[in-house]
PDB file of all heavy atoms in Angstrom:
ATOM      1  N   PHE A   1      13.212  21.775  21.680  1.00  0.00           N
ATOM      2  CA  PHE A   1      12.915  20.638  22.478  1.00  0.00           C
ATOM      3  C   PHE A   1      11.431  20.869  22.990  1.00  0.00           C
ATOM      4  O   PHE A   1      11.018  21.880  23.346  1.00  0.00           O
ATOM      5  CB  PHE A   1      13.791  20.549  23.711  1.00  0.00           C
ATOM      6  CG  PHE A   1      15.229  20.228  23.356  1.00  0.00           C
ATOM      7  CD1 PHE A   1      16.191  21.266  23.213  1.00  0.00           C
ATOM      8  CD2 PHE A   1      15.593  18.994  23.078  1.00  0.00           C
ATOM      9  CE1 PHE A   1      17.474  20.954  22.873  1.00  0.00           C
ATOM     10  CE2 PHE A   1      16.961  18.644  22.807  1.00  0.00           C
ATOM     11  CZ  PHE A   1      17.827  19.736  22.687  1.00  0.00           C
ATOM     12  N   ILE A   2      10.675  19.712  22.990  1.00  0.00           N
ATOM     13  CA  ILE A   2       9.393  19.622  23.569  1.00  0.00           C
ATOM     14  C   ILE A   2       9.602  18.620  24.710  1.00  0.00           C
ATOM     15  O   ILE A   2       9.750  17.451  24.497  1.00  0.00           O
ATOM     16  CB  ILE A   2       8.305  19.239  22.623  1.00  0.00           C
ATOM     17  CG1 ILE A   2       8.256  20.161  21.466  1.00  0.00           C
ATOM     18  CG2 ILE A   2       6.966  19.089  23.345  1.00  0.00           C
ATOM     19  CD1 ILE A   2       7.388  19.723  20.338  1.00  0.00           C
ATOM     20  N   ASP A   3       9.477  19.099  25.955  1.00  0.00           N
ATOM     21  CA  ASP A   3       9.725  18.250  27.138  1.00  0.00           C
ATOM     22  C   ASP A   3       8.381  17.924  27.774  1.00  0.00           C
ATOM     23  O   ASP A   3       7.534  18.771  28.078  1.00  0.00           O
ATOM     24  CB  ASP A   3      10.585  18.931  28.180  1.00  0.00           C
ATOM     25  CG  ASP A   3      11.932  19.096  27.737  1.00  0.00           C
ATOM     26  OD1 ASP A   3      12.418  18.347  26.816  1.00  0.00           O
ATOM     27  OD2 ASP A   3      12.723  20.111  28.150  1.00  0.00           O
ATOM     28  N   VAL A   4       8.123  16.621  27.952  1.00  0.00           N
ATOM     29  CA  VAL A   4       6.924  16.179  28.648  1.00  0.00           C
ATOM     30  C   VAL A   4       7.467  15.534  30.028  1.00  0.00           C
ATOM     31  O   VAL A   4       8.279  14.567  29.988  1.00  0.00           O
ATOM     32  CB  VAL A   4       6.218  15.095  27.887  1.00  0.00           C
ATOM     33  CG1 VAL A   4       5.032  14.518  28.757  1.00  0.00           C
ATOM     34  CG2 VAL A   4       5.658  15.689  26.610  1.00  0.00           C
ATOM     35  N   TRP A   5       7.051  16.120  31.174  1.00  0.00           N
ATOM     36  CA  TRP A   5       7.569  15.577  32.373  1.00  0.00           C
ATOM     37  C   TRP A   5       6.441  14.537  32.861  1.00  0.00           C
ATOM     38  O   TRP A   5       5.323  14.827  33.127  1.00  0.00           O
ATOM     39  CB  TRP A   5       7.558  16.682  33.406  1.00  0.00           C
ATOM     40  CG  TRP A   5       8.758  17.594  33.164  1.00  0.00           C
ATOM     41  CD1 TRP A   5       8.744  18.576  32.217  1.00  0.00           C
ATOM     42  CD2 TRP A   5      10.034  17.552  33.750  1.00  0.00           C
ATOM     43  NE1 TRP A   5       9.992  19.205  32.205  1.00  0.00           N
ATOM     44  CE2 TRP A   5      10.801  18.588  33.062  1.00  0.00           C
ATOM     45  CE3 TRP A   5      10.599  16.745  34.656  1.00  0.00           C
ATOM     46  CZ2 TRP A   5      12.148  18.798  33.432  1.00  0.00           C
ATOM     47  CZ3 TRP A   5      11.948  16.992  35.007  1.00  0.00           C
ATOM     48  CH2 TRP A   5      12.710  18.025  34.450  1.00  0.00           C
ATOM     49  N   TRP A   6       6.940  13.185  32.809  1.00  0.00           N
ATOM     50  CA  TRP A   6       6.103  12.042  33.015  1.00  0.00           C
ATOM     51  C   TRP A   6       5.771  11.975  34.508  1.00  0.00           C
ATOM     52  O   TRP A   6       6.568  11.900  35.333  1.00  0.00           O
ATOM     53  CB  TRP A   6       6.842  10.859  32.593  1.00  0.00           C
ATOM     54  CG  TRP A   6       6.004   9.601  32.770  1.00  0.00           C
ATOM     55  CD1 TRP A   6       6.041   8.677  33.753  1.00  0.00           C
ATOM     56  CD2 TRP A   6       4.953   9.192  31.834  1.00  0.00           C
ATOM     57  NE1 TRP A   6       5.025   7.701  33.474  1.00  0.00           N
ATOM     58  CE2 TRP A   6       4.457   7.941  32.286  1.00  0.00           C
ATOM     59  CE3 TRP A   6       4.400   9.739  30.751  1.00  0.00           C
ATOM     60  CZ2 TRP A   6       3.355   7.395  31.716  1.00  0.00           C
ATOM     61  CZ3 TRP A   6       3.366   9.057  30.066  1.00  0.00           C
ATOM     62  CH2 TRP A   6       2.922   7.874  30.565  1.00  0.00           C
ATOM     63  N   ARG A   7       4.441  12.025  34.726  1.00  0.00           N
ATOM     64  CA  ARG A   7       3.963  11.775  36.098  1.00  0.00           C
ATOM     65  C   ARG A   7       2.897  10.662  36.207  1.00  0.00           C
ATOM     66  O   ARG A   7       2.180  10.552  37.091  1.00  0.00           O
ATOM     67  CB  ARG A   7       3.278  13.086  36.534  1.00  0.00           C
ATOM     68  CG  ARG A   7       4.287  14.171  36.635  1.00  0.00           C
ATOM     69  CD  ARG A   7       3.805  15.403  37.286  1.00  0.00           C
ATOM     70  NE  ARG A   7       3.152  15.123  38.566  1.00  0.00           N
ATOM     71  CZ  ARG A   7       3.031  15.862  39.497  1.00  0.00           C
ATOM     72  NH1 ARG A   7       3.517  17.050  39.519  1.00  0.00           N
ATOM     73  NH2 ARG A   7       2.361  15.523  40.673  1.00  0.00           N
ATOM     74  N   GLY A   8       2.901   9.847  35.182  1.00  0.00           N
ATOM     75  CA  GLY A   8       2.046   8.679  35.208  1.00  0.00           C
ATOM     76  C   GLY A   8       1.041   8.669  34.087  1.00  0.00           C
ATOM     77  O   GLY A   8       1.041   9.541  33.277  1.00  0.00           O
ATOM     78  N   HIS A   9       0.312   7.608  34.089  1.00  0.00           N
ATOM     79  CA  HIS A   9      -0.656   7.318  32.973  1.00  0.00           C
ATOM     80  C   HIS A   9      -1.934   8.245  33.015  1.00  0.00           C
ATOM     81  O   HIS A   9      -2.705   8.246  32.066  1.00  0.00           O
ATOM     82  CB  HIS A   9      -1.136   5.818  32.977  1.00  0.00           C
ATOM     83  CG  HIS A   9       0.003   4.885  32.623  1.00  0.00           C
ATOM     84  ND1 HIS A   9       0.338   4.661  31.296  1.00  0.00           N
ATOM     85  CD2 HIS A   9       0.942   4.245  33.251  1.00  0.00           C
ATOM     86  CE1 HIS A   9       1.331   3.908  31.087  1.00  0.00           C
ATOM     87  NE2 HIS A   9       1.758   3.545  32.285  1.00  0.00           N
ATOM     88  N   SER A  10      -2.182   8.917  34.165  1.00  0.00           N
ATOM     89  CA  SER A  10      -3.467   9.541  34.271  1.00  0.00           C
ATOM     90  C   SER A  10      -3.560  10.686  33.166  1.00  0.00           C
ATOM     91  O   SER A  10      -4.648  10.890  32.670  1.00  0.00           O
ATOM     92  CB  SER A  10      -3.587  10.324  35.618  1.00  0.00           C
ATOM     93  OG  SER A  10      -2.503  11.276  35.793  1.00  0.00           O
ATOM     94  N   ASN A  11      -2.452  11.311  32.778  1.00  0.00           N
ATOM     95  CA  ASN A  11      -2.503  12.273  31.647  1.00  0.00           C
ATOM     96  C   ASN A  11      -1.252  12.211  30.761  1.00  0.00           C
ATOM     97  O   ASN A  11      -1.196  12.917  29.829  1.00  0.00           O
ATOM     98  CB  ASN A  11      -2.680  13.693  32.177  1.00  0.00           C
ATOM     99  CG  ASN A  11      -1.472  14.255  32.786  1.00  0.00           C
ATOM    100  OD1 ASN A  11      -0.498  13.575  33.137  1.00  0.00           O
ATOM    101  ND2 ASN A  11      -1.444  15.580  33.076  1.00  0.00           N
ATOM    102  N   GLY A  12      -0.306  11.349  31.193  1.00  0.00           N
ATOM    103  CA  GLY A  12       0.929  11.275  30.396  1.00  0.00           C
ATOM    104  C   GLY A  12       0.769  10.889  29.002  1.00  0.00           C
ATOM    105  O   GLY A  12       1.411  11.464  28.085  1.00  0.00           O
ATOM    106  N   GLN A  13      -0.103   9.947  28.694  1.00  0.00           N
ATOM    107  CA  GLN A  13      -0.306   9.541  27.331  1.00  0.00           C
ATOM    108  C   GLN A  13      -0.862  10.665  26.448  1.00  0.00           C
ATOM    109  O   GLN A  13      -0.476  10.918  25.290  1.00  0.00           O
ATOM    110  CB  GLN A  13      -1.235   8.272  27.291  1.00  0.00           C
ATOM    111  CG  GLN A  13      -0.468   7.155  27.818  1.00  0.00           C
ATOM    112  CD  GLN A  13      -1.397   5.988  28.224  1.00  0.00           C
ATOM    113  OE1 GLN A  13      -2.555   6.185  28.557  1.00  0.00           O
ATOM    114  NE2 GLN A  13      -0.890   4.775  28.150  1.00  0.00           N
ATOM    115  N   LEU A  14      -1.834  11.457  26.994  1.00  0.00           N
ATOM    116  CA  LEU A  14      -2.339  12.615  26.329  1.00  0.00           C
ATOM    117  C   LEU A  14      -1.245  13.563  26.029  1.00  0.00           C
ATOM    118  O   LEU A  14      -1.105  14.174  24.990  1.00  0.00           O
ATOM    119  CB  LEU A  14      -3.402  13.208  27.128  1.00  0.00           C
ATOM    120  CG  LEU A  14      -3.992  14.581  26.659  1.00  0.00           C
ATOM    121  CD1 LEU A  14      -4.721  14.466  25.358  1.00  0.00           C
ATOM    122  CD2 LEU A  14      -4.919  15.206  27.641  1.00  0.00           C
ATOM    123  N   MET A  15      -0.326  13.848  27.016  1.00  0.00           N
ATOM    124  CA  MET A  15       0.670  14.841  26.838  1.00  0.00           C
ATOM    125  C   MET A  15       1.770  14.330  25.820  1.00  0.00           C
ATOM    126  O   MET A  15       2.201  15.160  25.004  1.00  0.00           O
ATOM    127  CB  MET A  15       1.473  15.124  28.162  1.00  0.00           C
ATOM    128  CG  MET A  15       0.521  15.487  29.290  1.00  0.00           C
ATOM    129  SD  MET A  15      -0.538  16.899  28.775  1.00  0.00           S
ATOM    130  CE  MET A  15       0.702  18.205  28.761  1.00  0.00           C
ATOM    131  N   ILE A  16       1.951  12.996  25.715  1.00  0.00           N
ATOM    132  CA  ILE A  16       2.915  12.546  24.606  1.00  0.00           C
ATOM    133  C   ILE A  16       2.304  12.789  23.297  1.00  0.00           C
ATOM    134  O   ILE A  16       2.959  13.173  22.365  1.00  0.00           O
ATOM    135  CB  ILE A  16       3.175  11.005  24.856  1.00  0.00           C
ATOM    136  CG1 ILE A  16       4.019  10.871  26.183  1.00  0.00           C
ATOM    137  CG2 ILE A  16       3.821  10.422  23.666  1.00  0.00           C
ATOM    138  CD1 ILE A  16       4.302   9.456  26.582  1.00  0.00           C
ATOM    139  N   ILE A  17       0.990  12.544  23.225  1.00  0.00           N
ATOM    140  CA  ILE A  17       0.338  12.715  21.864  1.00  0.00           C
ATOM    141  C   ILE A  17       0.456  14.218  21.486  1.00  0.00           C
ATOM    142  O   ILE A  17       0.619  14.559  20.377  1.00  0.00           O
ATOM    143  CB  ILE A  17      -1.079  12.117  21.879  1.00  0.00           C
ATOM    144  CG1 ILE A  17      -0.992  10.721  22.124  1.00  0.00           C
ATOM    145  CG2 ILE A  17      -1.888  12.520  20.644  1.00  0.00           C
ATOM    146  CD1 ILE A  17      -1.750   9.659  21.402  1.00  0.00           C
ATOM    147  N   LEU A  18       0.089  15.058  22.484  1.00  0.00           N
ATOM    148  CA  LEU A  18       0.117  16.494  22.213  1.00  0.00           C
ATOM    149  C   LEU A  18       1.498  16.929  21.822  1.00  0.00           C
ATOM    150  O   LEU A  18       1.638  17.637  20.803  1.00  0.00           O
ATOM    151  CB  LEU A  18      -0.227  17.226  23.450  1.00  0.00           C
ATOM    152  CG  LEU A  18      -0.219  18.776  23.421  1.00  0.00           C
ATOM    153  CD1 LEU A  18      -1.284  19.253  22.389  1.00  0.00           C
ATOM    154  CD2 LEU A  18      -0.641  19.332  24.741  1.00  0.00           C
ATOM    155  N   ALA A  19       2.539  16.452  22.369  1.00  0.00           N
ATOM    156  CA  ALA A  19       3.877  16.787  22.028  1.00  0.00           C
ATOM    157  C   ALA A  19       4.130  16.301  20.618  1.00  0.00           C
ATOM    158  O   ALA A  19       4.673  17.000  19.742  1.00  0.00           O
ATOM    159  CB  ALA A  19       4.958  16.164  22.934  1.00  0.00           C
ATOM    160  N   HIS A  20       3.682  15.083  20.270  1.00  0.00           N
ATOM    161  CA  HIS A  20       3.887  14.568  18.847  1.00  0.00           C
ATOM    162  C   HIS A  20       3.134  15.416  17.918  1.00  0.00           C
ATOM    163  O   HIS A  20       3.682  15.728  16.801  1.00  0.00           O
ATOM    164  CB  HIS A  20       3.413  13.118  18.840  1.00  0.00           C
ATOM    165  CG  HIS A  20       3.306  12.613  17.475  1.00  0.00           C
ATOM    166  ND1 HIS A  20       4.386  12.279  16.705  1.00  0.00           N
ATOM    167  CD2 HIS A  20       2.239  12.378  16.642  1.00  0.00           C
ATOM    168  CE1 HIS A  20       4.042  11.887  15.413  1.00  0.00           C
ATOM    169  NE2 HIS A  20       2.712  11.890  15.441  1.00  0.00           N
ATOM    170  N   LEU A  21       1.929  15.835  18.193  1.00  0.00           N
ATOM    171  CA  LEU A  21       1.229  16.644  17.280  1.00  0.00           C
ATOM    172  C   LEU A  21       1.847  18.034  17.066  1.00  0.00           C
ATOM    173  O   LEU A  21       1.800  18.571  15.984  1.00  0.00           O
ATOM    174  CB  LEU A  21      -0.308  16.818  17.822  1.00  0.00           C
ATOM    175  CG  LEU A  21      -1.069  15.641  17.683  1.00  0.00           C
ATOM    176  CD1 LEU A  21      -2.476  15.905  18.418  1.00  0.00           C
ATOM    177  CD2 LEU A  21      -1.322  15.143  16.345  1.00  0.00           C
ATOM    178  N   LEU A  22       2.532  18.550  18.008  1.00  0.00           N
ATOM    179  CA  LEU A  22       3.304  19.816  17.892  1.00  0.00           C
ATOM    180  C   LEU A  22       4.368  19.580  16.844  1.00  0.00           C
ATOM    181  O   LEU A  22       4.636  20.552  16.048  1.00  0.00           O
ATOM    182  CB  LEU A  22       3.910  20.262  19.253  1.00  0.00           C
ATOM    183  CG  LEU A  22       3.018  20.954  20.176  1.00  0.00           C
ATOM    184  CD1 LEU A  22       3.619  21.190  21.564  1.00  0.00           C
ATOM    185  CD2 LEU A  22       2.494  22.203  19.631  1.00  0.00           C
ATOM    186  N   THR A  23       5.001  18.507  16.834  1.00  0.00           N
ATOM    187  CA  THR A  23       6.037  18.280  15.787  1.00  0.00           C
ATOM    188  C   THR A  23       5.551  18.154  14.456  1.00  0.00           C
ATOM    189  O   THR A  23       6.328  18.238  13.451  1.00  0.00           O
ATOM    190  CB  THR A  23       6.820  16.962  16.080  1.00  0.00           C
ATOM    191  OG1 THR A  23       6.014  15.843  15.967  1.00  0.00           O
ATOM    192  CG2 THR A  23       7.471  16.936  17.556  1.00  0.00           C
ATOM    193  N   GLN A  24       4.245  18.094  14.235  1.00  0.00           N
ATOM    194  CA  GLN A  24       3.653  18.086  13.011  1.00  0.00           C
ATOM    195  C   GLN A  24       3.487  19.501  12.337  1.00  0.00           C
ATOM    196  O   GLN A  24       3.289  19.669  11.108  1.00  0.00           O
ATOM    197  CB  GLN A  24       2.250  17.332  12.879  1.00  0.00           C
ATOM    198  CG  GLN A  24       2.350  16.008  13.481  1.00  0.00           C
ATOM    199  CD  GLN A  24       3.368  15.039  12.734  1.00  0.00           C
ATOM    200  OE1 GLN A  24       3.230  14.841  11.549  1.00  0.00           O
ATOM    201  NE2 GLN A  24       4.394  14.611  13.509  1.00  0.00           N
ATOM    202  N   ASN A  25       3.632  20.476  13.157  1.00  0.00           N
ATOM    203  CA  ASN A  25       3.595  21.862  12.767  1.00  0.00           C
ATOM    204  C   ASN A  25       4.970  22.178  12.104  1.00  0.00           C
ATOM    205  O   ASN A  25       6.037  21.858  12.755  1.00  0.00           O
ATOM    206  CB  ASN A  25       3.216  22.786  13.931  1.00  0.00           C
ATOM    207  CG  ASN A  25       3.246  24.242  13.540  1.00  0.00           C
ATOM    208  OD1 ASN A  25       4.403  24.831  13.439  1.00  0.00           O
ATOM    209  ND2 ASN A  25       2.075  24.856  13.395  1.00  0.00           N
ATOM    210  N   TRP A  26       5.157  22.949  11.012  1.00  0.00           N
ATOM    211  CA  TRP A  26       6.340  23.171  10.490  1.00  0.00           C
ATOM    212  C   TRP A  26       7.336  23.988  11.312  1.00  0.00           C
ATOM    213  O   TRP A  26       8.475  23.816  11.294  1.00  0.00           O
ATOM    214  CB  TRP A  26       6.171  23.952   9.153  1.00  0.00           C
ATOM    215  CG  TRP A  26       5.736  25.448   9.270  1.00  0.00           C
ATOM    216  CD1 TRP A  26       4.429  25.790   9.270  1.00  0.00           C
ATOM    217  CD2 TRP A  26       6.433  26.538   9.462  1.00  0.00           C
ATOM    218  NE1 TRP A  26       4.328  27.167   9.478  1.00  0.00           N
ATOM    219  CE2 TRP A  26       5.539  27.591   9.528  1.00  0.00           C
ATOM    220  CE3 TRP A  26       7.771  26.836   9.599  1.00  0.00           C
ATOM    221  CZ2 TRP A  26       6.037  28.968   9.740  1.00  0.00           C
ATOM    222  CZ3 TRP A  26       8.213  28.147   9.727  1.00  0.00           C
ATOM    223  CH2 TRP A  26       7.309  29.197   9.903  1.00  0.00           C
ATOM    224  N   GLU A  27       6.816  24.855  12.276  1.00  0.00           N
ATOM    225  CA  GLU A  27       7.626  25.554  13.221  1.00  0.00           C
ATOM    226  C   GLU A  27       8.261  24.710  14.204  1.00  0.00           C
ATOM    227  O   GLU A  27       9.338  25.010  14.671  1.00  0.00           O
ATOM    228  CB  GLU A  27       6.858  26.634  13.893  1.00  0.00           C
ATOM    229  CG  GLU A  27       6.381  27.725  12.976  1.00  0.00           C
ATOM    230  CD  GLU A  27       5.413  28.728  13.644  1.00  0.00           C
ATOM    231  OE1 GLU A  27       4.554  28.257  14.304  1.00  0.00           O
ATOM    232  OE2 GLU A  27       5.708  29.867  13.598  1.00  0.00           O
ATOM    233  N   TRP A  28       7.740  23.497  14.475  1.00  0.00           N
ATOM    234  CA  TRP A  28       8.311  22.522  15.533  1.00  0.00           C
ATOM    235  C   TRP A  28       8.770  21.272  14.809  1.00  0.00           C
ATOM    236  O   TRP A  28       9.178  20.350  15.506  1.00  0.00           O
ATOM    237  CB  TRP A  28       7.211  22.187  16.616  1.00  0.00           C
ATOM    238  CG  TRP A  28       6.959  23.456  17.342  1.00  0.00           C
ATOM    239  CD1 TRP A  28       5.967  24.404  17.130  1.00  0.00           C
ATOM    240  CD2 TRP A  28       7.635  23.883  18.584  1.00  0.00           C
ATOM    241  NE1 TRP A  28       6.032  25.392  18.169  1.00  0.00           N
ATOM    242  CE2 TRP A  28       7.045  25.092  18.960  1.00  0.00           C
ATOM    243  CE3 TRP A  28       8.677  23.293  19.299  1.00  0.00           C
ATOM    244  CZ2 TRP A  28       7.396  25.699  20.125  1.00  0.00           C
ATOM    245  CZ3 TRP A  28       9.092  24.004  20.372  1.00  0.00           C
ATOM    246  CH2 TRP A  28       8.441  25.242  20.866  1.00  0.00           C
ATOM    247  N   SER A  29       8.828  21.237  13.531  1.00  0.00           N
ATOM    248  CA  SER A  29       9.190  19.961  12.864  1.00  0.00           C
ATOM    249  C   SER A  29      10.587  19.485  13.167  1.00  0.00           C
ATOM    250  O   SER A  29      10.868  18.271  13.102  1.00  0.00           O
ATOM    251  CB  SER A  29       8.920  20.020  11.359  1.00  0.00           C
ATOM    252  OG  SER A  29       9.754  21.064  10.801  1.00  0.00           O
ATOM    253  N   ASN A  30      11.495  20.342  13.476  1.00  0.00           N
ATOM    254  CA  ASN A  30      12.841  20.008  13.774  1.00  0.00           C
ATOM    255  C   ASN A  30      13.107  19.757  15.214  1.00  0.00           C
ATOM    256  O   ASN A  30      14.232  19.679  15.642  1.00  0.00           O
ATOM    257  CB  ASN A  30      13.820  21.113  13.248  1.00  0.00           C
ATOM    258  CG  ASN A  30      13.898  21.085  11.705  1.00  0.00           C
ATOM    259  OD1 ASN A  30      13.775  20.038  11.032  1.00  0.00           O
ATOM    260  ND2 ASN A  30      13.977  22.304  11.151  1.00  0.00           N
ATOM    261  N   SER A  31      12.095  19.744  16.051  1.00  0.00           N
ATOM    262  CA  SER A  31      12.257  19.587  17.468  1.00  0.00           C
ATOM    263  C   SER A  31      12.380  18.135  17.892  1.00  0.00           C
ATOM    264  O   SER A  31      11.940  17.274  17.229  1.00  0.00           O
ATOM    265  CB  SER A  31      11.065  20.286  18.166  1.00  0.00           C
ATOM    266  OG  SER A  31       9.829  19.677  17.909  1.00  0.00           O
ATOM    267  N   GLU A  32      12.900  18.034  19.060  1.00  0.00           N
ATOM    268  CA  GLU A  32      13.128  16.661  19.667  1.00  0.00           C
ATOM    269  C   GLU A  32      12.080  16.552  20.886  1.00  0.00           C
ATOM    270  O   GLU A  32      12.066  17.466  21.795  1.00  0.00           O
ATOM    271  CB  GLU A  32      14.521  16.492  20.171  1.00  0.00           C
ATOM    272  CG  GLU A  32      14.747  15.198  20.764  1.00  0.00           C
ATOM    273  CD  GLU A  32      16.168  14.936  21.389  1.00  0.00           C
ATOM    274  OE1 GLU A  32      17.063  15.672  20.883  1.00  0.00           O
ATOM    275  OE2 GLU A  32      16.442  14.056  22.149  1.00  0.00           O
ATOM    276  N   VAL A  33      11.371  15.545  20.859  1.00  0.00           N
ATOM    277  CA  VAL A  33      10.364  15.287  22.024  1.00  0.00           C
ATOM    278  C   VAL A  33      11.093  14.499  23.076  1.00  0.00           C
ATOM    279  O   VAL A  33      11.800  13.453  22.725  1.00  0.00           O
ATOM    280  CB  VAL A  33       9.089  14.587  21.578  1.00  0.00           C
ATOM    281  CG1 VAL A  33       8.263  14.229  22.813  1.00  0.00           C
ATOM    282  CG2 VAL A  33       8.402  15.405  20.594  1.00  0.00           C
ATOM    283  N   ARG A  34      11.179  15.034  24.310  1.00  0.00           N
ATOM    284  CA  ARG A  34      11.816  14.235  25.439  1.00  0.00           C
ATOM    285  C   ARG A  34      10.770  13.970  26.492  1.00  0.00           C
ATOM    286  O   ARG A  34      10.097  14.841  26.919  1.00  0.00           O
ATOM    287  CB  ARG A  34      12.997  15.090  25.985  1.00  0.00           C
ATOM    288  CG  ARG A  34      14.044  15.382  24.986  1.00  0.00           C
ATOM    289  CD  ARG A  34      15.211  16.050  25.626  1.00  0.00           C
ATOM    290  NE  ARG A  34      14.874  17.432  26.098  1.00  0.00           N
ATOM    291  CZ  ARG A  34      15.688  18.401  26.476  1.00  0.00           C
ATOM    292  NH1 ARG A  34      16.980  18.194  26.349  1.00  0.00           N
ATOM    293  NH2 ARG A  34      15.246  19.564  26.896  1.00  0.00           N
ATOM    294  N   ILE A  35      10.682  12.703  26.839  1.00  0.00           N
ATOM    295  CA  ILE A  35       9.800  12.236  27.912  1.00  0.00           C
ATOM    296  C   ILE A  35      10.712  12.188  29.119  1.00  0.00           C
ATOM    297  O   ILE A  35      11.594  11.315  29.220  1.00  0.00           O
ATOM    298  CB  ILE A  35       9.105  11.008  27.623  1.00  0.00           C
ATOM    299  CG1 ILE A  35       8.451  10.963  26.250  1.00  0.00           C
ATOM    300  CG2 ILE A  35       8.074  10.658  28.731  1.00  0.00           C
ATOM    301  CD1 ILE A  35       7.402  12.156  25.989  1.00  0.00           C
TER     302      ILE A  35
END
């Protein structure tokens, strides 16, 4: 799991993209992103 704790738009969108990019790595490709 890759968990992003949403605290608003100030940095949340960046964190969502970062979590998504992590899933592009083979080691994290089977992970679930949870906001």
